[in-house]
């Protein structure tokens, strides 16, 4: 574990030392709703580069999502943290977060429209290679990234970190254009084996290329230190799973963008 974390820190520090990360707060709209995303890129890179939409967890666009966007920028990507709930709309606690997330999970058409608006905004940025795009998300955001793929967005790939895998429209998997990477806590009570099995059936029926990586002992929210360390609550940080999932993400992104011509 120490070695994994040490080299991740060393790698990230090396990237940051050679990058000039610029960030932008960007207003955009979905219908009449004003949204506010957070975009980051490396200004030292001259060439256009792959772009990634990052979707927040149920607490809305927060520092966790912004940090992930900045990390991706240091890796050479342009990334935007999407805003699903709307400008200034942030849950005050987990009870309200559940209500907010439930609203969008219960209306997949609206959820897809919100994340598609962020994706379209990202494609407008001067640094973006529009033929190389991906989406990723955490918990609620993982569900959202998969819904963007099911909606037929021309993604090279999509990644779910401990996200919900269910969908009311499994036949829409036929619309998925790119590859998927599912990073799952093996002991996640919020995404039970029955849901995993249904997802795998959905992907195999639609002949979607996907990777499913399960981390023993990890529960929901295993990438987020703010989740605490009590696994009995069903959501907790797991440093080993966090580090390994970042490695899987890095390899996956490199693979899909290298192959995409």
C-alpha atoms as a PDB file:
ATOM      1  CA  UNK A   1       0.000   0.000   0.000  1.00  0.00           C
ATOM      2  CA  UNK A   2       2.769   2.419   0.922  1.00  0.00           C
ATOM      3  CA  UNK A   3       4.533   1.822  -2.377  1.00  0.00           C
ATOM      4  CA  UNK A   4       1.369   2.368  -4.373  1.00  0.00           C
ATOM      5  CA  UNK A   5       0.576   5.634  -2.636  1.00  0.00           C
ATOM      6  CA  UNK A   6       4.184   6.837  -2.738  1.00  0.00           C
ATOM      7  CA  UNK A   7       4.517   6.363  -6.475  1.00  0.00           C
ATOM      8  CA  UNK A   8       1.094   7.889  -7.148  1.00  0.00           C
ATOM      9  CA  UNK A   9       2.137  10.971  -5.184  1.00  0.00           C
ATOM     10  CA  UNK A  10       5.524  11.074  -6.913  1.00  0.00           C
ATOM     11  CA  UNK A  11       3.904  10.747 -10.354  1.00  0.00           C
ATOM     12  CA  UNK A  12       1.341  13.455  -9.626  1.00  0.00           C
ATOM     13  CA  UNK A  13       4.028  15.791  -8.286  1.00  0.00           C
ATOM     14  CA  UNK A  14       6.133  15.235 -11.400  1.00  0.00           C
ATOM     15  CA  UNK A  15       3.202  16.059 -13.679  1.00  0.00           C
ATOM     16  CA  UNK A  16       2.307  19.189 -11.724  1.00  0.00           C
ATOM     17  CA  UNK A  17       5.910  20.428 -11.834  1.00  0.00           C
ATOM     18  CA  UNK A  18       5.913  20.393 -15.635  1.00  0.00           C
ATOM     19  CA  UNK A  19       2.397  21.731 -16.163  1.00  0.00           C
ATOM     20  CA  UNK A  20       0.772  25.145 -16.140  1.00  0.00           C
ATOM     21  CA  UNK A  21      -2.729  24.311 -14.985  1.00  0.00           C
ATOM     22  CA  UNK A  22      -5.355  26.888 -15.745  1.00  0.00           C
ATOM     23  CA  UNK A  23      -8.882  26.692 -14.438  1.00  0.00           C
ATOM     24  CA  UNK A  24     -12.085  28.359 -15.570  1.00  0.00           C
ATOM     25  CA  UNK A  25     -15.525  28.618 -14.049  1.00  0.00           C
ATOM     26  CA  UNK A  26     -17.908  28.366 -16.981  1.00  0.00           C
ATOM     27  CA  UNK A  27     -21.600  29.168 -17.131  1.00  0.00           C
ATOM     28  CA  UNK A  28     -23.657  27.192 -19.620  1.00  0.00           C
ATOM     29  CA  UNK A  29     -27.282  26.177 -19.994  1.00  0.00           C
ATOM     30  CA  UNK A  30     -29.534  23.176 -20.355  1.00  0.00           C
ATOM     31  CA  UNK A  31     -32.821  24.560 -21.551  1.00  0.00           C
ATOM     32  CA  UNK A  32     -33.545  27.558 -19.341  1.00  0.00           C
ATOM     33  CA  UNK A  33     -31.465  26.271 -16.427  1.00  0.00           C
ATOM     34  CA  UNK A  34     -28.133  27.981 -15.777  1.00  0.00           C
ATOM     35  CA  UNK A  35     -25.341  25.558 -14.878  1.00  0.00           C
ATOM     36  CA  UNK A  36     -21.833  26.313 -13.666  1.00  0.00           C
ATOM     37  CA  UNK A  37     -18.991  23.940 -14.549  1.00  0.00           C
ATOM     38  CA  UNK A  38     -15.331  23.949 -13.599  1.00  0.00           C
ATOM     39  CA  UNK A  39     -12.779  23.398 -16.379  1.00  0.00           C
ATOM     40  CA  UNK A  40      -9.029  22.771 -16.205  1.00  0.00           C
ATOM     41  CA  UNK A  41      -6.264  22.305 -18.761  1.00  0.00           C
ATOM     42  CA  UNK A  42      -2.495  22.532 -19.131  1.00  0.00           C
ATOM     43  CA  UNK A  43      -1.634  25.799 -20.877  1.00  0.00           C
ATOM     44  CA  UNK A  44       1.881  24.575 -21.658  1.00  0.00           C
ATOM     45  CA  UNK A  45       0.556  22.032 -24.140  1.00  0.00           C
ATOM     46  CA  UNK A  46       0.213  23.446 -27.638  1.00  0.00           C
ATOM     47  CA  UNK A  47      -1.622  20.595 -29.303  1.00  0.00           C
ATOM     48  CA  UNK A  48      -5.276  19.747 -28.957  1.00  0.00           C
ATOM     49  CA  UNK A  49      -5.815  16.928 -26.499  1.00  0.00           C
ATOM     50  CA  UNK A  50      -8.456  14.400 -25.330  1.00  0.00           C
ATOM     51  CA  UNK A  51     -11.240  15.790 -23.183  1.00  0.00           C
ATOM     52  CA  UNK A  52     -13.117  14.339 -20.223  1.00  0.00           C
ATOM     53  CA  UNK A  53     -16.390  15.188 -18.512  1.00  0.00           C
ATOM     54  CA  UNK A  54     -16.252  14.493 -14.763  1.00  0.00           C
ATOM     55  CA  UNK A  55     -19.559  14.141 -12.918  1.00  0.00           C
ATOM     56  CA  UNK A  56     -19.863  14.861  -9.203  1.00  0.00           C
ATOM     57  CA  UNK A  57     -21.362  12.624  -6.528  1.00  0.00           C
ATOM     58  CA  UNK A  58     -24.733  13.294  -4.882  1.00  0.00           C
ATOM     59  CA  UNK A  59     -23.396  16.317  -2.994  1.00  0.00           C
ATOM     60  CA  UNK A  60     -23.139  18.314  -6.215  1.00  0.00           C
ATOM     61  CA  UNK A  61     -20.170  20.051  -7.803  1.00  0.00           C
ATOM     62  CA  UNK A  62     -17.664  20.300  -4.960  1.00  0.00           C
ATOM     63  CA  UNK A  63     -13.940  20.389  -4.209  1.00  0.00           C
ATOM     64  CA  UNK A  64     -13.611  16.626  -4.710  1.00  0.00           C
ATOM     65  CA  UNK A  65     -14.800  16.857  -8.324  1.00  0.00           C
ATOM     66  CA  UNK A  66     -12.701  19.976  -8.948  1.00  0.00           C
ATOM     67  CA  UNK A  67      -9.573  18.239  -7.664  1.00  0.00           C
ATOM     68  CA  UNK A  68     -10.160  15.316 -10.020  1.00  0.00           C
ATOM     69  CA  UNK A  69     -10.493  17.713 -12.944  1.00  0.00           C
ATOM     70  CA  UNK A  70      -7.207  19.392 -12.026  1.00  0.00           C
ATOM     71  CA  UNK A  71      -5.482  16.000 -11.755  1.00  0.00           C
ATOM     72  CA  UNK A  72      -6.676  15.083 -15.236  1.00  0.00           C
ATOM     73  CA  UNK A  73      -5.403  18.408 -16.568  1.00  0.00           C
ATOM     74  CA  UNK A  74      -1.978  17.638 -15.087  1.00  0.00           C
ATOM     75  CA  UNK A  75      -2.081  14.328 -16.989  1.00  0.00           C
ATOM     76  CA  UNK A  76      -2.501  16.204 -20.272  1.00  0.00           C
ATOM     77  CA  UNK A  77      -6.279  16.185 -20.694  1.00  0.00           C
ATOM     78  CA  UNK A  78      -8.787  19.007 -20.755  1.00  0.00           C
ATOM     79  CA  UNK A  79     -11.520  18.227 -18.245  1.00  0.00           C
ATOM     80  CA  UNK A  80     -14.734  19.804 -17.050  1.00  0.00           C
ATOM     81  CA  UNK A  81     -16.579  19.095 -13.820  1.00  0.00           C
ATOM     82  CA  UNK A  82     -20.219  19.029 -14.871  1.00  0.00           C
ATOM     83  CA  UNK A  83     -22.940  20.694 -12.855  1.00  0.00           C
ATOM     84  CA  UNK A  84     -26.047  18.526 -12.838  1.00  0.00           C
ATOM     85  CA  UNK A  85     -28.081  20.372 -10.200  1.00  0.00           C
ATOM     86  CA  UNK A  86     -27.725  23.970 -11.417  1.00  0.00           C
ATOM     87  CA  UNK A  87     -25.736  27.083 -10.530  1.00  0.00           C
ATOM     88  CA  UNK A  88     -25.649  27.585  -6.784  1.00  0.00           C
ATOM     89  CA  UNK A  89     -27.848  24.552  -6.134  1.00  0.00           C
ATOM     90  CA  UNK A  90     -26.024  22.435  -3.566  1.00  0.00           C
ATOM     91  CA  UNK A  91     -27.439  20.019  -0.984  1.00  0.00           C
ATOM     92  CA  UNK A  92     -27.030  21.211   2.589  1.00  0.00           C
ATOM     93  CA  UNK A  93     -26.782  17.654   3.934  1.00  0.00           C
ATOM     94  CA  UNK A  94     -27.024  14.003   2.904  1.00  0.00           C
ATOM     95  CA  UNK A  95     -30.805  13.973   3.304  1.00  0.00           C
ATOM     96  CA  UNK A  96     -31.160  16.746   0.760  1.00  0.00           C
ATOM     97  CA  UNK A  97     -28.480  15.122  -1.417  1.00  0.00           C
ATOM     98  CA  UNK A  98     -30.563  11.967  -1.556  1.00  0.00           C
ATOM     99  CA  UNK A  99     -33.555  13.997  -2.685  1.00  0.00           C
ATOM    100  CA  UNK A 100     -31.570  15.810  -5.367  1.00  0.00           C
ATOM    101  CA  UNK A 101     -29.925  12.663  -6.712  1.00  0.00           C
ATOM    102  CA  UNK A 102     -33.225  10.801  -6.564  1.00  0.00           C
ATOM    103  CA  UNK A 103     -34.888  13.441  -8.717  1.00  0.00           C
ATOM    104  CA  UNK A 104     -32.416  12.936 -11.547  1.00  0.00           C
ATOM    105  CA  UNK A 105     -32.114   9.174 -11.200  1.00  0.00           C
ATOM    106  CA  UNK A 106     -35.889   9.092 -11.471  1.00  0.00           C
ATOM    107  CA  UNK A 107     -35.809  11.198 -14.645  1.00  0.00           C
ATOM    108  CA  UNK A 108     -33.084   9.758 -16.844  1.00  0.00           C
ATOM    109  CA  UNK A 109     -34.074  11.963 -19.783  1.00  0.00           C
ATOM    110  CA  UNK A 110     -33.340  15.071 -17.712  1.00  0.00           C
ATOM    111  CA  UNK A 111     -30.178  13.518 -16.268  1.00  0.00           C
ATOM    112  CA  UNK A 112     -28.889  12.783 -19.754  1.00  0.00           C
ATOM    113  CA  UNK A 113     -29.746  16.286 -20.927  1.00  0.00           C
ATOM    114  CA  UNK A 114     -27.832  17.861 -18.024  1.00  0.00           C
ATOM    115  CA  UNK A 115     -24.658  15.860 -18.588  1.00  0.00           C
ATOM    116  CA  UNK A 116     -24.926  16.262 -22.370  1.00  0.00           C
ATOM    117  CA  UNK A 117     -24.970  20.038 -21.872  1.00  0.00           C
ATOM    118  CA  UNK A 118     -21.619  19.812 -20.046  1.00  0.00           C
ATOM    119  CA  UNK A 119     -20.234  17.534 -22.748  1.00  0.00           C
ATOM    120  CA  UNK A 120     -21.272  19.964 -25.497  1.00  0.00           C
ATOM    121  CA  UNK A 121     -19.742  22.855 -23.566  1.00  0.00           C
ATOM    122  CA  UNK A 122     -16.462  20.957 -23.222  1.00  0.00           C
ATOM    123  CA  UNK A 123     -16.249  20.353 -26.972  1.00  0.00           C
ATOM    124  CA  UNK A 124     -16.238  24.118 -27.563  1.00  0.00           C
ATOM    125  CA  UNK A 125     -12.965  24.649 -25.718  1.00  0.00           C
ATOM    126  CA  UNK A 126      -9.993  25.623 -27.873  1.00  0.00           C
ATOM    127  CA  UNK A 127      -7.760  22.871 -26.458  1.00  0.00           C
ATOM    128  CA  UNK A 128     -10.066  19.929 -27.183  1.00  0.00           C
ATOM    129  CA  UNK A 129      -9.641  17.178 -29.754  1.00  0.00           C
ATOM    130  CA  UNK A 130     -13.335  16.532 -30.341  1.00  0.00           C
ATOM    131  CA  UNK A 131     -12.693  13.025 -31.679  1.00  0.00           C
ATOM    132  CA  UNK A 132     -11.219  11.891 -28.368  1.00  0.00           C
ATOM    133  CA  UNK A 133     -13.631  12.282 -25.478  1.00  0.00           C
ATOM    134  CA  UNK A 134     -14.592  10.406 -22.342  1.00  0.00           C
ATOM    135  CA  UNK A 135     -16.857  10.692 -19.328  1.00  0.00           C
ATOM    136  CA  UNK A 136     -16.339   9.578 -15.757  1.00  0.00           C
ATOM    137  CA  UNK A 137     -18.117   9.989 -12.469  1.00  0.00           C
ATOM    138  CA  UNK A 138     -18.283   9.050  -8.820  1.00  0.00           C
ATOM    139  CA  UNK A 139     -21.305   7.392  -7.156  1.00  0.00           C
ATOM    140  CA  UNK A 140     -24.244   9.362  -8.612  1.00  0.00           C
ATOM    141  CA  UNK A 141     -21.740  10.643 -11.170  1.00  0.00           C
ATOM    142  CA  UNK A 142     -20.813   7.130 -12.232  1.00  0.00           C
ATOM    143  CA  UNK A 143     -24.455   6.440 -13.008  1.00  0.00           C
ATOM    144  CA  UNK A 144     -24.572   9.686 -14.971  1.00  0.00           C
ATOM    145  CA  UNK A 145     -21.460   8.917 -17.034  1.00  0.00           C
ATOM    146  CA  UNK A 146     -22.985   5.582 -18.029  1.00  0.00           C
ATOM    147  CA  UNK A 147     -26.257   7.274 -18.976  1.00  0.00           C
ATOM    148  CA  UNK A 148     -24.365   9.658 -21.262  1.00  0.00           C
ATOM    149  CA  UNK A 149     -22.845   6.635 -22.969  1.00  0.00           C
ATOM    150  CA  UNK A 150     -26.231   4.889 -23.230  1.00  0.00           C
ATOM    151  CA  UNK A 151     -27.631   8.070 -24.770  1.00  0.00           C
ATOM    152  CA  UNK A 152     -25.312   7.601 -27.732  1.00  0.00           C
ATOM    153  CA  UNK A 153     -22.796  10.384 -27.098  1.00  0.00           C
ATOM    154  CA  UNK A 154     -19.710   9.769 -29.282  1.00  0.00           C
ATOM    155  CA  UNK A 155     -17.498   8.919 -26.322  1.00  0.00           C
ATOM    156  CA  UNK A 156     -14.267   7.018 -26.741  1.00  0.00           C
ATOM    157  CA  UNK A 157     -14.841   5.649 -23.263  1.00  0.00           C
ATOM    158  CA  UNK A 158     -16.691   6.054 -19.973  1.00  0.00           C
ATOM    159  CA  UNK A 159     -15.653   5.225 -16.405  1.00  0.00           C
ATOM    160  CA  UNK A 160     -17.770   4.628 -13.325  1.00  0.00           C
ATOM    161  CA  UNK A 161     -16.190   4.850  -9.866  1.00  0.00           C
ATOM    162  CA  UNK A 162     -18.480   3.069  -7.367  1.00  0.00           C
ATOM    163  CA  UNK A 163     -21.486   4.197  -9.376  1.00  0.00           C
ATOM    164  CA  UNK A 164     -24.952   2.762  -9.673  1.00  0.00           C
ATOM    165  CA  UNK A 165     -25.206   0.444 -12.683  1.00  0.00           C
ATOM    166  CA  UNK A 166     -28.969   0.226 -13.061  1.00  0.00           C
ATOM    167  CA  UNK A 167     -30.972   1.868 -15.811  1.00  0.00           C
ATOM    168  CA  UNK A 168     -34.673   1.899 -16.689  1.00  0.00           C
ATOM    169  CA  UNK A 169     -33.681   1.600 -20.350  1.00  0.00           C
ATOM    170  CA  UNK A 170     -31.263  -1.372 -20.701  1.00  0.00           C
ATOM    171  CA  UNK A 171     -31.979  -1.631 -24.438  1.00  0.00           C
ATOM    172  CA  UNK A 172     -30.219   1.728 -24.832  1.00  0.00           C
ATOM    173  CA  UNK A 173     -26.892  -0.046 -24.330  1.00  0.00           C
ATOM    174  CA  UNK A 174     -26.991  -0.603 -28.090  1.00  0.00           C
ATOM    175  CA  UNK A 175     -26.245   3.132 -28.442  1.00  0.00           C
ATOM    176  CA  UNK A 176     -22.909   2.945 -26.604  1.00  0.00           C
ATOM    177  CA  UNK A 177     -20.075   3.928 -28.930  1.00  0.00           C
ATOM    178  CA  UNK A 178     -16.945   3.456 -26.807  1.00  0.00           C
ATOM    179  CA  UNK A 179     -15.501   1.184 -24.145  1.00  0.00           C
ATOM    180  CA  UNK A 180     -16.508   1.150 -20.490  1.00  0.00           C
ATOM    181  CA  UNK A 181     -14.502   0.745 -17.293  1.00  0.00           C
ATOM    182  CA  UNK A 182     -16.422  -0.130 -14.131  1.00  0.00           C
ATOM    183  CA  UNK A 183     -14.524   0.286 -10.850  1.00  0.00           C
ATOM    184  CA  UNK A 184     -16.611  -1.341  -8.160  1.00  0.00           C
ATOM    185  CA  UNK A 185     -16.430  -1.999  -4.427  1.00  0.00           C
ATOM    186  CA  UNK A 186     -16.985  -5.728  -4.003  1.00  0.00           C
ATOM    187  CA  UNK A 187     -18.814  -5.145  -0.716  1.00  0.00           C
ATOM    188  CA  UNK A 188     -20.845  -2.116  -1.855  1.00  0.00           C
ATOM    189  CA  UNK A 189     -24.345  -2.590  -0.370  1.00  0.00           C
ATOM    190  CA  UNK A 190     -25.738   0.140  -2.611  1.00  0.00           C
ATOM    191  CA  UNK A 191     -24.828  -1.752  -5.781  1.00  0.00           C
ATOM    192  CA  UNK A 192     -25.722  -5.357  -4.911  1.00  0.00           C
ATOM    193  CA  UNK A 193     -24.739  -8.473  -6.914  1.00  0.00           C
ATOM    194  CA  UNK A 194     -28.162  -8.575  -8.589  1.00  0.00           C
ATOM    195  CA  UNK A 195     -27.552  -5.113 -10.066  1.00  0.00           C
ATOM    196  CA  UNK A 196     -24.061  -6.094 -11.191  1.00  0.00           C
ATOM    197  CA  UNK A 197     -25.422  -9.214 -12.901  1.00  0.00           C
ATOM    198  CA  UNK A 198     -28.118  -7.212 -14.692  1.00  0.00           C
ATOM    199  CA  UNK A 199     -25.521  -4.724 -15.910  1.00  0.00           C
ATOM    200  CA  UNK A 200     -23.230  -7.443 -17.241  1.00  0.00           C
ATOM    201  CA  UNK A 201     -26.161  -9.058 -19.051  1.00  0.00           C
ATOM    202  CA  UNK A 202     -27.062  -5.666 -20.515  1.00  0.00           C
ATOM    203  CA  UNK A 203     -23.537  -5.121 -21.821  1.00  0.00           C
ATOM    204  CA  UNK A 204     -23.147  -8.630 -23.227  1.00  0.00           C
ATOM    205  CA  UNK A 205     -26.515  -8.459 -24.981  1.00  0.00           C
ATOM    206  CA  UNK A 206     -25.508  -5.177 -26.636  1.00  0.00           C
ATOM    207  CA  UNK A 207     -21.969  -6.490 -27.334  1.00  0.00           C
ATOM    208  CA  UNK A 208     -20.371  -3.543 -25.541  1.00  0.00           C
ATOM    209  CA  UNK A 209     -16.670  -3.814 -24.762  1.00  0.00           C
ATOM    210  CA  UNK A 210     -16.185  -3.270 -21.048  1.00  0.00           C
ATOM    211  CA  UNK A 211     -13.882  -3.997 -18.133  1.00  0.00           C
ATOM    212  CA  UNK A 212     -15.228  -4.696 -14.661  1.00  0.00           C
ATOM    213  CA  UNK A 213     -12.792  -4.367 -11.760  1.00  0.00           C
ATOM    214  CA  UNK A 214     -14.000  -5.269  -8.267  1.00  0.00           C
ATOM    215  CA  UNK A 215     -12.064  -4.379  -5.114  1.00  0.00           C
ATOM    216  CA  UNK A 216     -12.469  -6.808  -2.189  1.00  0.00           C
ATOM    217  CA  UNK A 217     -13.324  -5.109   1.088  1.00  0.00           C
ATOM    218  CA  UNK A 218     -14.278  -1.830  -0.595  1.00  0.00           C
ATOM    219  CA  UNK A 219     -17.744  -0.356  -0.143  1.00  0.00           C
ATOM    220  CA  UNK A 220     -19.488   2.665  -1.650  1.00  0.00           C
ATOM    221  CA  UNK A 221     -17.538   5.946  -2.076  1.00  0.00           C
ATOM    222  CA  UNK A 222     -14.171   4.194  -1.717  1.00  0.00           C
ATOM    223  CA  UNK A 223     -12.302   7.015  -3.524  1.00  0.00           C
ATOM    224  CA  UNK A 224     -13.510   9.823  -1.254  1.00  0.00           C
ATOM    225  CA  UNK A 225     -11.655  10.509   2.027  1.00  0.00           C
ATOM    226  CA  UNK A 226     -14.654  12.530   3.214  1.00  0.00           C
ATOM    227  CA  UNK A 227     -16.618   9.263   3.438  1.00  0.00           C
ATOM    228  CA  UNK A 228     -14.690   8.284   6.580  1.00  0.00           C
ATOM    229  CA  UNK A 229     -13.274   4.847   7.302  1.00  0.00           C
ATOM    230  CA  UNK A 230     -16.171   2.924   8.823  1.00  0.00           C
ATOM    231  CA  UNK A 231     -17.102   0.325   6.205  1.00  0.00           C
ATOM    232  CA  UNK A 232     -20.022  -0.868   8.312  1.00  0.00           C
ATOM    233  CA  UNK A 233     -21.881   2.270   7.257  1.00  0.00           C
ATOM    234  CA  UNK A 234     -21.839   1.085   3.642  1.00  0.00           C
ATOM    235  CA  UNK A 235     -19.791   4.039   2.403  1.00  0.00           C
ATOM    236  CA  UNK A 236     -16.150   4.551   3.375  1.00  0.00           C
ATOM    237  CA  UNK A 237     -12.785   5.552   1.980  1.00  0.00           C
ATOM    238  CA  UNK A 238     -10.423   2.724   1.047  1.00  0.00           C
ATOM    239  CA  UNK A 239      -6.901   3.971   0.283  1.00  0.00           C
ATOM    240  CA  UNK A 240      -5.815   0.802  -1.493  1.00  0.00           C
ATOM    241  CA  UNK A 241      -8.892   0.660  -3.727  1.00  0.00           C
ATOM    242  CA  UNK A 242      -8.563   4.391  -4.404  1.00  0.00           C
ATOM    243  CA  UNK A 243      -4.948   4.053  -5.533  1.00  0.00           C
ATOM    244  CA  UNK A 244      -5.591   0.968  -7.622  1.00  0.00           C
ATOM    245  CA  UNK A 245      -8.653   2.482  -9.280  1.00  0.00           C
ATOM    246  CA  UNK A 246      -6.619   5.541 -10.267  1.00  0.00           C
ATOM    247  CA  UNK A 247      -4.066   3.224 -11.857  1.00  0.00           C
ATOM    248  CA  UNK A 248      -6.829   1.454 -13.779  1.00  0.00           C
ATOM    249  CA  UNK A 249      -8.256   4.795 -14.898  1.00  0.00           C
ATOM    250  CA  UNK A 250      -4.856   5.993 -16.103  1.00  0.00           C
ATOM    251  CA  UNK A 251      -4.220   2.830 -18.108  1.00  0.00           C
ATOM    252  CA  UNK A 252      -7.713   2.824 -19.571  1.00  0.00           C
ATOM    253  CA  UNK A 253      -7.573   6.452 -20.734  1.00  0.00           C
ATOM    254  CA  UNK A 254      -4.127   5.978 -22.260  1.00  0.00           C
ATOM    255  CA  UNK A 255      -5.311   2.863 -24.051  1.00  0.00           C
ATOM    256  CA  UNK A 256      -8.519   4.232 -25.553  1.00  0.00           C
ATOM    257  CA  UNK A 257      -7.041   7.534 -26.647  1.00  0.00           C
ATOM    258  CA  UNK A 258      -3.926   5.963 -28.149  1.00  0.00           C
ATOM    259  CA  UNK A 259      -5.990   3.558 -30.243  1.00  0.00           C
ATOM    260  CA  UNK A 260      -8.491   6.175 -31.384  1.00  0.00           C
ATOM    261  CA  UNK A 261      -7.369   7.691 -34.682  1.00  0.00           C
END
